[in-house]
Structure formats: C-alpha cells, structure tokens
Amino acid sequence: MVLFAAIAAIAAIAAFAVSVALAIDSRGLRLLSAVVALGCVARAVLLLTGSEALELAAPMAFIALVLCLAVFSWRSGRVTGP
C-alpha cells in the first residue's frame, strides 16, 4: 500500500512539472521541468520494479524546480491578485 502511495506522489510531482513546462515562458525553466517530469516517471517505473535508483535524485530535482520557480517569480516582479 505504501508503494502505491509513493507512486501516486511521484505521479503528482510529474504532472506538476509537466504543467509548469507547458505554462512557463522561460526556456531554462521549461527544460528543468521536463527533466523533473522525466526523472519522476523513471523513478516511478524503477520503484515498481523494486529498484532504489533515483531515490534521492528525483525529489531533489523537484525541490530545485520549486526553488527556481520561486526565484523566477521573485525576479519577474509580477503581482498576482487584486
């Protein structure tokens, strides 16, 4: 049961990365988002096969994506909301 919960979390991260890649204008962030999505898909497949490969790399890539999005948002000076 824990395995399926982990795979669901990894799939959610991959879906988030794909949505960022489709929505963002920055070429670098698009590339990073694609790498995160592919890494998460590879991690989920490897987890299903029982491998522990990418156990640390996929979550760290997601953290790097979130940090890059925060910096991009901060530097762009965009204000959202009313």
PDB file of N, CA and C in Angstrom:
ATOM      1  N   MET A   1       0.807  -1.191   0.000  1.00  0.00           N
ATOM      2  CA  MET A   1       0.000   0.000   0.000  1.00  0.00           C
ATOM      3  C   MET A   1       0.859   1.268   0.000  1.00  0.00           C
ATOM      4  N   VAL A   2       1.969   1.217   0.749  1.00  0.00           N
ATOM      5  CA  VAL A   2       2.876   2.359   0.799  1.00  0.00           C
ATOM      6  C   VAL A   2       3.493   2.598  -0.569  1.00  0.00           C
ATOM      7  N   LEU A   3       3.767   1.521  -1.297  1.00  0.00           N
ATOM      8  CA  LEU A   3       4.350   1.639  -2.630  1.00  0.00           C
ATOM      9  C   LEU A   3       3.431   2.430  -3.552  1.00  0.00           C
ATOM     10  N   PHE A   4       2.145   2.146  -3.513  1.00  0.00           N
ATOM     11  CA  PHE A   4       1.207   2.853  -4.385  1.00  0.00           C
ATOM     12  C   PHE A   4       1.046   4.315  -3.972  1.00  0.00           C
ATOM     13  N   ALA A   5       1.144   4.587  -2.688  1.00  0.00           N
ATOM     14  CA  ALA A   5       1.096   5.977  -2.232  1.00  0.00           C
ATOM     15  C   ALA A   5       2.323   6.751  -2.717  1.00  0.00           C
ATOM     16  N   ALA A   6       3.476   6.116  -2.682  1.00  0.00           N
ATOM     17  CA  ALA A   6       4.697   6.758  -3.175  1.00  0.00           C
ATOM     18  C   ALA A   6       4.608   7.006  -4.672  1.00  0.00           C
ATOM     19  N   ILE A   7       4.079   6.037  -5.398  1.00  0.00           N
ATOM     20  CA  ILE A   7       3.938   6.201  -6.847  1.00  0.00           C
ATOM     21  C   ILE A   7       2.929   7.297  -7.170  1.00  0.00           C
ATOM     22  N   ALA A   8       1.858   7.394  -6.385  1.00  0.00           N
ATOM     23  CA  ALA A   8       0.882   8.467  -6.596  1.00  0.00           C
ATOM     24  C   ALA A   8       1.503   9.838  -6.343  1.00  0.00           C
ATOM     25  N   ALA A   9       2.335   9.946  -5.317  1.00  0.00           N
ATOM     26  CA  ALA A   9       3.016  11.213  -5.029  1.00  0.00           C
ATOM     27  C   ALA A   9       3.993  11.576  -6.143  1.00  0.00           C
ATOM     28  N   ILE A  10       4.715  10.587  -6.631  1.00  0.00           N
ATOM     29  CA  ILE A  10       5.657  10.826  -7.727  1.00  0.00           C
ATOM     30  C   ILE A  10       4.910  11.235  -8.993  1.00  0.00           C
ATOM     31  N   ALA A  11       3.770  10.599  -9.250  1.00  0.00           N
ATOM     32  CA  ALA A  11       2.962  10.958 -10.421  1.00  0.00           C
ATOM     33  C   ALA A  11       2.424  12.381 -10.305  1.00  0.00           C
ATOM     34  N   ALA A  12       2.054  12.788  -9.103  1.00  0.00           N
ATOM     35  CA  ALA A  12       1.579  14.160  -8.902  1.00  0.00           C
ATOM     36  C   ALA A  12       2.688  15.169  -9.155  1.00  0.00           C
ATOM     37  N   ILE A  13       3.885  14.855  -8.719  1.00  0.00           N
ATOM     38  CA  ILE A  13       5.026  15.743  -8.983  1.00  0.00           C
ATOM     39  C   ILE A  13       5.312  15.825 -10.470  1.00  0.00           C
ATOM     40  N   ALA A  14       5.239  14.688 -11.163  1.00  0.00           N
ATOM     41  CA  ALA A  14       5.455  14.677 -12.608  1.00  0.00           C
ATOM     42  C   ALA A  14       4.391  15.506 -13.320  1.00  0.00           C
ATOM     43  N   ALA A  15       3.141  15.388 -12.890  1.00  0.00           N
ATOM     44  CA  ALA A  15       2.067  16.176 -13.501  1.00  0.00           C
ATOM     45  C   ALA A  15       2.278  17.669 -13.260  1.00  0.00           C
ATOM     46  N   PHE A  16       2.736  18.030 -12.064  1.00  0.00           N
ATOM     47  CA  PHE A  16       3.043  19.424 -11.770  1.00  0.00           C
ATOM     48  C   PHE A  16       4.160  19.934 -12.673  1.00  0.00           C
ATOM     49  N   ALA A  17       5.200  19.135 -12.836  1.00  0.00           N
ATOM     50  CA  ALA A  17       6.331  19.544 -13.673  1.00  0.00           C
ATOM     51  C   ALA A  17       5.898  19.716 -15.124  1.00  0.00           C
ATOM     52  N   VAL A  18       5.037  18.842 -15.606  1.00  0.00           N
ATOM     53  CA  VAL A  18       4.539  18.973 -16.982  1.00  0.00           C
ATOM     54  C   VAL A  18       3.708  20.243 -17.119  1.00  0.00           C
ATOM     55  N   SER A  19       2.868  20.533 -16.135  1.00  0.00           N
ATOM     56  CA  SER A  19       2.057  21.746 -16.215  1.00  0.00           C
ATOM     57  C   SER A  19       2.918  23.006 -16.173  1.00  0.00           C
ATOM     58  N   VAL A  20       3.997  22.973 -15.411  1.00  0.00           N
ATOM     59  CA  VAL A  20       4.925  24.112 -15.396  1.00  0.00           C
ATOM     60  C   VAL A  20       5.592  24.253 -16.758  1.00  0.00           C
ATOM     61  N   ALA A  21       6.010  23.137 -17.336  1.00  0.00           N
ATOM     62  CA  ALA A  21       6.678  23.179 -18.643  1.00  0.00           C
ATOM     63  C   ALA A  21       5.750  23.750 -19.715  1.00  0.00           C
ATOM     64  N   LEU A  22       4.474  23.481 -19.616  1.00  0.00           N
ATOM     65  CA  LEU A  22       3.524  23.987 -20.607  1.00  0.00           C
ATOM     66  C   LEU A  22       3.152  25.442 -20.366  1.00  0.00           C
ATOM     67  N   ALA A  23       3.227  25.910 -19.130  1.00  0.00           N
ATOM     68  CA  ALA A  23       2.739  27.244 -18.797  1.00  0.00           C
ATOM     69  C   ALA A  23       3.809  28.329 -18.766  1.00  0.00           C
ATOM     70  N   ILE A  24       5.061  27.952 -18.604  1.00  0.00           N
ATOM     71  CA  ILE A  24       6.107  28.950 -18.375  1.00  0.00           C
ATOM     72  C   ILE A  24       6.729  29.405 -19.693  1.00  0.00           C
ATOM     73  N   ASP A  25       7.219  30.632 -19.721  1.00  0.00           N
ATOM     74  CA  ASP A  25       7.850  31.175 -20.926  1.00  0.00           C
ATOM     75  C   ASP A  25       9.358  30.980 -20.946  1.00  0.00           C
ATOM     76  N   SER A  26       9.958  30.816 -19.797  1.00  0.00           N
ATOM     77  CA  SER A  26      11.405  30.701 -19.692  1.00  0.00           C
ATOM     78  C   SER A  26      11.893  29.354 -20.233  1.00  0.00           C
ATOM     79  N   ARG A  27      12.843  29.417 -21.133  1.00  0.00           N
ATOM     80  CA  ARG A  27      13.373  28.196 -21.741  1.00  0.00           C
ATOM     81  C   ARG A  27      14.091  27.310 -20.716  1.00  0.00           C
ATOM     82  N   GLY A  28      14.826  27.920 -19.818  1.00  0.00           N
ATOM     83  CA  GLY A  28      15.550  27.176 -18.797  1.00  0.00           C
ATOM     84  C   GLY A  28      14.613  26.454 -17.839  1.00  0.00           C
ATOM     85  N   LEU A  29      13.554  27.147 -17.411  1.00  0.00           N
ATOM     86  CA  LEU A  29      12.591  26.508 -16.519  1.00  0.00           C
ATOM     87  C   LEU A  29      11.810  25.405 -17.228  1.00  0.00           C
ATOM     88  N   ARG A  30      11.562  25.596 -18.515  1.00  0.00           N
ATOM     89  CA  ARG A  30      10.909  24.530 -19.289  1.00  0.00           C
ATOM     90  C   ARG A  30      11.778  23.286 -19.333  1.00  0.00           C
ATOM     91  N   LEU A  31      13.050  23.483 -19.569  1.00  0.00           N
ATOM     92  CA  LEU A  31      13.976  22.355 -19.623  1.00  0.00           C
ATOM     93  C   LEU A  31      14.067  21.664 -18.262  1.00  0.00           C
ATOM     94  N   LEU A  32      14.193  22.440 -17.205  1.00  0.00           N
ATOM     95  CA  LEU A  32      14.245  21.868 -15.865  1.00  0.00           C
ATOM     96  C   LEU A  32      12.958  21.115 -15.539  1.00  0.00           C
ATOM     97  N   SER A  33      11.822  21.659 -15.921  1.00  0.00           N
ATOM     98  CA  SER A  33      10.543  20.989 -15.679  1.00  0.00           C
ATOM     99  C   SER A  33      10.460  19.667 -16.434  1.00  0.00           C
ATOM    100  N   ALA A  34      10.935  19.661 -17.662  1.00  0.00           N
ATOM    101  CA  ALA A  34      10.925  18.416 -18.442  1.00  0.00           C
ATOM    102  C   ALA A  34      11.840  17.373 -17.812  1.00  0.00           C
ATOM    103  N   VAL A  35      13.000  17.799 -17.333  1.00  0.00           N
ATOM    104  CA  VAL A  35      13.922  16.871 -16.675  1.00  0.00           C
ATOM    105  C   VAL A  35      13.297  16.307 -15.401  1.00  0.00           C
ATOM    106  N   VAL A  36      12.637  17.153 -14.627  1.00  0.00           N
ATOM    107  CA  VAL A  36      11.977  16.694 -13.402  1.00  0.00           C
ATOM    108  C   VAL A  36      10.871  15.699 -13.734  1.00  0.00           C
ATOM    109  N   ALA A  37      10.069  16.001 -14.744  1.00  0.00           N
ATOM    110  CA  ALA A  37       8.979  15.091 -15.126  1.00  0.00           C
ATOM    111  C   ALA A  37       9.525  13.739 -15.579  1.00  0.00           C
ATOM    112  N   LEU A  38      10.551  13.762 -16.414  1.00  0.00           N
ATOM    113  CA  LEU A  38      11.133  12.502 -16.879  1.00  0.00           C
ATOM    114  C   LEU A  38      11.791  11.736 -15.732  1.00  0.00           C
ATOM    115  N   GLY A  39      12.435  12.449 -14.842  1.00  0.00           N
ATOM    116  CA  GLY A  39      13.042  11.801 -13.682  1.00  0.00           C
ATOM    117  C   GLY A  39      12.005  11.160 -12.774  1.00  0.00           C
ATOM    118  N   CYS A  40      10.878  11.824 -12.604  1.00  0.00           N
ATOM    119  CA  CYS A  40       9.808  11.262 -11.773  1.00  0.00           C
ATOM    120  C   CYS A  40       9.184  10.032 -12.413  1.00  0.00           C
ATOM    121  N   VAL A  41       8.984  10.083 -13.714  1.00  0.00           N
ATOM    122  CA  VAL A  41       8.435   8.908 -14.405  1.00  0.00           C
ATOM    123  C   VAL A  41       9.410   7.742 -14.294  1.00  0.00           C
ATOM    124  N   ALA A  42      10.692   8.025 -14.496  1.00  0.00           N
ATOM    125  CA  ALA A  42      11.693   6.967 -14.370  1.00  0.00           C
ATOM    126  C   ALA A  42      11.736   6.432 -12.942  1.00  0.00           C
ATOM    127  N   ARG A  43      11.622   7.304 -11.954  1.00  0.00           N
ATOM    128  CA  ARG A  43      11.617   6.881 -10.550  1.00  0.00           C
ATOM    129  C   ARG A  43      10.425   5.986 -10.247  1.00  0.00           C
ATOM    130  N   ALA A  44       9.246   6.327 -10.780  1.00  0.00           N
ATOM    131  CA  ALA A  44       8.055   5.509 -10.544  1.00  0.00           C
ATOM    132  C   ALA A  44       8.198   4.129 -11.172  1.00  0.00           C
ATOM    133  N   VAL A  45       8.730   4.079 -12.385  1.00  0.00           N
ATOM    134  CA  VAL A  45       8.925   2.788 -13.051  1.00  0.00           C
ATOM    135  C   VAL A  45       9.948   1.950 -12.289  1.00  0.00           C
ATOM    136  N   LEU A  46      11.041   2.567 -11.880  1.00  0.00           N
ATOM    137  CA  LEU A  46      12.057   1.842 -11.127  1.00  0.00           C
ATOM    138  C   LEU A  46      11.540   1.383  -9.767  1.00  0.00           C
ATOM    139  N   LEU A  47      10.676   2.186  -9.162  1.00  0.00           N
ATOM    140  CA  LEU A  47      10.094   1.802  -7.877  1.00  0.00           C
ATOM    141  C   LEU A  47       9.194   0.575  -8.037  1.00  0.00           C
ATOM    142  N   LEU A  48       8.476   0.519  -9.149  1.00  0.00           N
ATOM    143  CA  LEU A  48       7.630  -0.651  -9.415  1.00  0.00           C
ATOM    144  C   LEU A  48       8.453  -1.913  -9.610  1.00  0.00           C
ATOM    145  N   THR A  49       9.644  -1.771 -10.151  1.00  0.00           N
ATOM    146  CA  THR A  49      10.493  -2.939 -10.379  1.00  0.00           C
ATOM    147  C   THR A  49      11.307  -3.313  -9.145  1.00  0.00           C
ATOM    148  N   GLY A  50      11.216  -2.504  -8.103  1.00  0.00           N
ATOM    149  CA  GLY A  50      11.926  -2.807  -6.868  1.00  0.00           C
ATOM    150  C   GLY A  50      13.285  -2.160  -6.754  1.00  0.00           C
ATOM    151  N   SER A  51      13.643  -1.339  -7.694  1.00  0.00           N
ATOM    152  CA  SER A  51      14.946  -0.683  -7.676  1.00  0.00           C
ATOM    153  C   SER A  51      14.897   0.571  -6.799  1.00  0.00           C
ATOM    154  N   GLU A  52      16.000   0.860  -6.182  1.00  0.00           N
ATOM    155  CA  GLU A  52      16.110   2.056  -5.349  1.00  0.00           C
ATOM    156  C   GLU A  52      16.841   3.187  -6.073  1.00  0.00           C
ATOM    157  N   ALA A  53      17.081   3.019  -7.357  1.00  0.00           N
ATOM    158  CA  ALA A  53      17.762   4.056  -8.132  1.00  0.00           C
ATOM    159  C   ALA A  53      16.899   5.316  -8.183  1.00  0.00           C
ATOM    160  N   LEU A  54      17.515   6.434  -8.244  1.00  0.00           N
ATOM    161  CA  LEU A  54      16.878   7.755  -8.281  1.00  0.00           C
ATOM    162  C   LEU A  54      16.074   8.070  -7.023  1.00  0.00           C
ATOM    163  N   GLU A  55      16.352   7.354  -5.944  1.00  0.00           N
ATOM    164  CA  GLU A  55      15.609   7.574  -4.702  1.00  0.00           C
ATOM    165  C   GLU A  55      15.808   8.991  -4.173  1.00  0.00           C
ATOM    166  N   LEU A  56      16.983   9.532  -4.348  1.00  0.00           N
ATOM    167  CA  LEU A  56      17.267  10.870  -3.869  1.00  0.00           C
ATOM    168  C   LEU A  56      17.230  11.905  -4.990  1.00  0.00           C
ATOM    169  N   ALA A  57      17.583  11.515  -6.192  1.00  0.00           N
ATOM    170  CA  ALA A  57      17.705  12.470  -7.295  1.00  0.00           C
ATOM    171  C   ALA A  57      16.362  13.073  -7.706  1.00  0.00           C
ATOM    172  N   ALA A  58      15.320  12.263  -7.799  1.00  0.00           N
ATOM    173  CA  ALA A  58      14.019  12.772  -8.247  1.00  0.00           C
ATOM    174  C   ALA A  58      13.431  13.786  -7.260  1.00  0.00           C
ATOM    175  N   PRO A  59      13.399  13.498  -5.954  1.00  0.00           N
ATOM    176  CA  PRO A  59      12.881  14.517  -5.027  1.00  0.00           C
ATOM    177  C   PRO A  59      13.738  15.784  -4.978  1.00  0.00           C
ATOM    178  N   MET A  60      15.045  15.637  -5.082  1.00  0.00           N
ATOM    179  CA  MET A  60      15.909  16.816  -5.081  1.00  0.00           C
ATOM    180  C   MET A  60      15.695  17.663  -6.331  1.00  0.00           C
ATOM    181  N   ALA A  61      15.437  17.023  -7.458  1.00  0.00           N
ATOM    182  CA  ALA A  61      15.145  17.767  -8.684  1.00  0.00           C
ATOM    183  C   ALA A  61      13.847  18.557  -8.532  1.00  0.00           C
ATOM    184  N   PHE A  62      12.864  17.973  -7.863  1.00  0.00           N
ATOM    185  CA  PHE A  62      11.609  18.682  -7.619  1.00  0.00           C
ATOM    186  C   PHE A  62      11.848  19.900  -6.725  1.00  0.00           C
ATOM    187  N   ILE A  63      12.649  19.742  -5.695  1.00  0.00           N
ATOM    188  CA  ILE A  63      12.960  20.869  -4.814  1.00  0.00           C
ATOM    189  C   ILE A  63      13.686  21.962  -5.598  1.00  0.00           C
ATOM    190  N   ALA A  64      14.597  21.566  -6.471  1.00  0.00           N
ATOM    191  CA  ALA A  64      15.298  22.547  -7.308  1.00  0.00           C
ATOM    192  C   ALA A  64      14.311  23.286  -8.219  1.00  0.00           C
ATOM    193  N   LEU A  65      13.337  22.573  -8.765  1.00  0.00           N
ATOM    194  CA  LEU A  65      12.327  23.214  -9.618  1.00  0.00           C
ATOM    195  C   LEU A  65      11.513  24.229  -8.827  1.00  0.00           C
ATOM    196  N   VAL A  66      11.087  23.875  -7.636  1.00  0.00           N
ATOM    197  CA  VAL A  66      10.301  24.792  -6.813  1.00  0.00           C
ATOM    198  C   VAL A  66      11.127  26.021  -6.443  1.00  0.00           C
ATOM    199  N   LEU A  67      12.392  25.823  -6.109  1.00  0.00           N
ATOM    200  CA  LEU A  67      13.259  26.969  -5.794  1.00  0.00           C
ATOM    201  C   LEU A  67      13.458  27.867  -7.004  1.00  0.00           C
ATOM    202  N   CYS A  68      13.662  27.272  -8.166  1.00  0.00           N
ATOM    203  CA  CYS A  68      13.817  28.067  -9.388  1.00  0.00           C
ATOM    204  C   CYS A  68      12.541  28.827  -9.723  1.00  0.00           C
ATOM    205  N   LEU A  69      11.393  28.207  -9.512  1.00  0.00           N
ATOM    206  CA  LEU A  69      10.123  28.902  -9.732  1.00  0.00           C
ATOM    207  C   LEU A  69       9.964  30.074  -8.774  1.00  0.00           C
ATOM    208  N   ALA A  70      10.385  29.895  -7.526  1.00  0.00           N
ATOM    209  CA  ALA A  70      10.305  30.980  -6.552  1.00  0.00           C
ATOM    210  C   ALA A  70      11.204  32.147  -6.957  1.00  0.00           C
ATOM    211  N   VAL A  71      12.418  31.840  -7.370  1.00  0.00           N
ATOM    212  CA  VAL A  71      13.341  32.897  -7.803  1.00  0.00           C
ATOM    213  C   VAL A  71      12.824  33.581  -9.057  1.00  0.00           C
ATOM    214  N   PHE A  72      12.315  32.809  -9.996  1.00  0.00           N
ATOM    215  CA  PHE A  72      11.761  33.377 -11.228  1.00  0.00           C
ATOM    216  C   PHE A  72      10.585  34.297 -10.908  1.00  0.00           C
ATOM    217  N   SER A  73       9.727  33.871 -10.012  1.00  0.00           N
ATOM    218  CA  SER A  73       8.576  34.686  -9.625  1.00  0.00           C
ATOM    219  C   SER A  73       9.025  35.959  -8.925  1.00  0.00           C
ATOM    220  N   TRP A  74      10.008  35.839  -8.075  1.00  0.00           N
ATOM    221  CA  TRP A  74      10.503  36.998  -7.339  1.00  0.00           C
ATOM    222  C   TRP A  74      11.177  37.996  -8.275  1.00  0.00           C
ATOM    223  N   ARG A  75      11.957  37.493  -9.234  1.00  0.00           N
ATOM    224  CA  ARG A  75      12.699  38.382 -10.140  1.00  0.00           C
ATOM    225  C   ARG A  75      11.820  39.007 -11.201  1.00  0.00           C
ATOM    226  N   SER A  76      10.720  38.346 -11.555  1.00  0.00           N
ATOM    227  CA  SER A  76       9.884  38.895 -12.625  1.00  0.00           C
ATOM    228  C   SER A  76       9.094  40.108 -12.163  1.00  0.00           C
ATOM    229  N   GLY A  77       8.874  40.233 -10.858  1.00  0.00           N
ATOM    230  CA  GLY A  77       8.178  41.399 -10.347  1.00  0.00           C
ATOM    231  C   GLY A  77       6.685  41.386 -10.609  1.00  0.00           C
ATOM    232  N   ARG A  78       6.158  40.240 -10.991  1.00  0.00           N
ATOM    233  CA  ARG A  78       4.728  40.139 -11.246  1.00  0.00           C
ATOM    234  C   ARG A  78       3.968  40.127  -9.934  1.00  0.00           C
ATOM    235  N   VAL A  79       2.854  40.814  -9.933  1.00  0.00           N
ATOM    236  CA  VAL A  79       1.991  40.816  -8.767  1.00  0.00           C
ATOM    237  C   VAL A  79       0.687  40.140  -9.172  1.00  0.00           C
ATOM    238  N   THR A  80       0.308  39.135  -8.416  1.00  0.00           N
ATOM    239  CA  THR A  80      -0.936  38.455  -8.712  1.00  0.00           C
ATOM    240  C   THR A  80      -1.991  38.845  -7.704  1.00  0.00           C
ATOM    241  N   GLY A  81      -3.198  38.756  -8.107  1.00  0.00           N
ATOM    242  CA  GLY A  81      -4.302  39.081  -7.213  1.00  0.00           C
ATOM    243  C   GLY A  81      -4.826  40.472  -7.490  1.00  0.00           C
ATOM    244  N   PRO A  82      -5.845  40.877  -6.725  1.00  0.00           N
ATOM    245  CA  PRO A  82      -6.468  42.184  -6.946  1.00  0.00           C
ATOM    246  C   PRO A  82      -5.631  43.340  -6.503  1.00  0.00           C
TER     247      PRO A  82
END
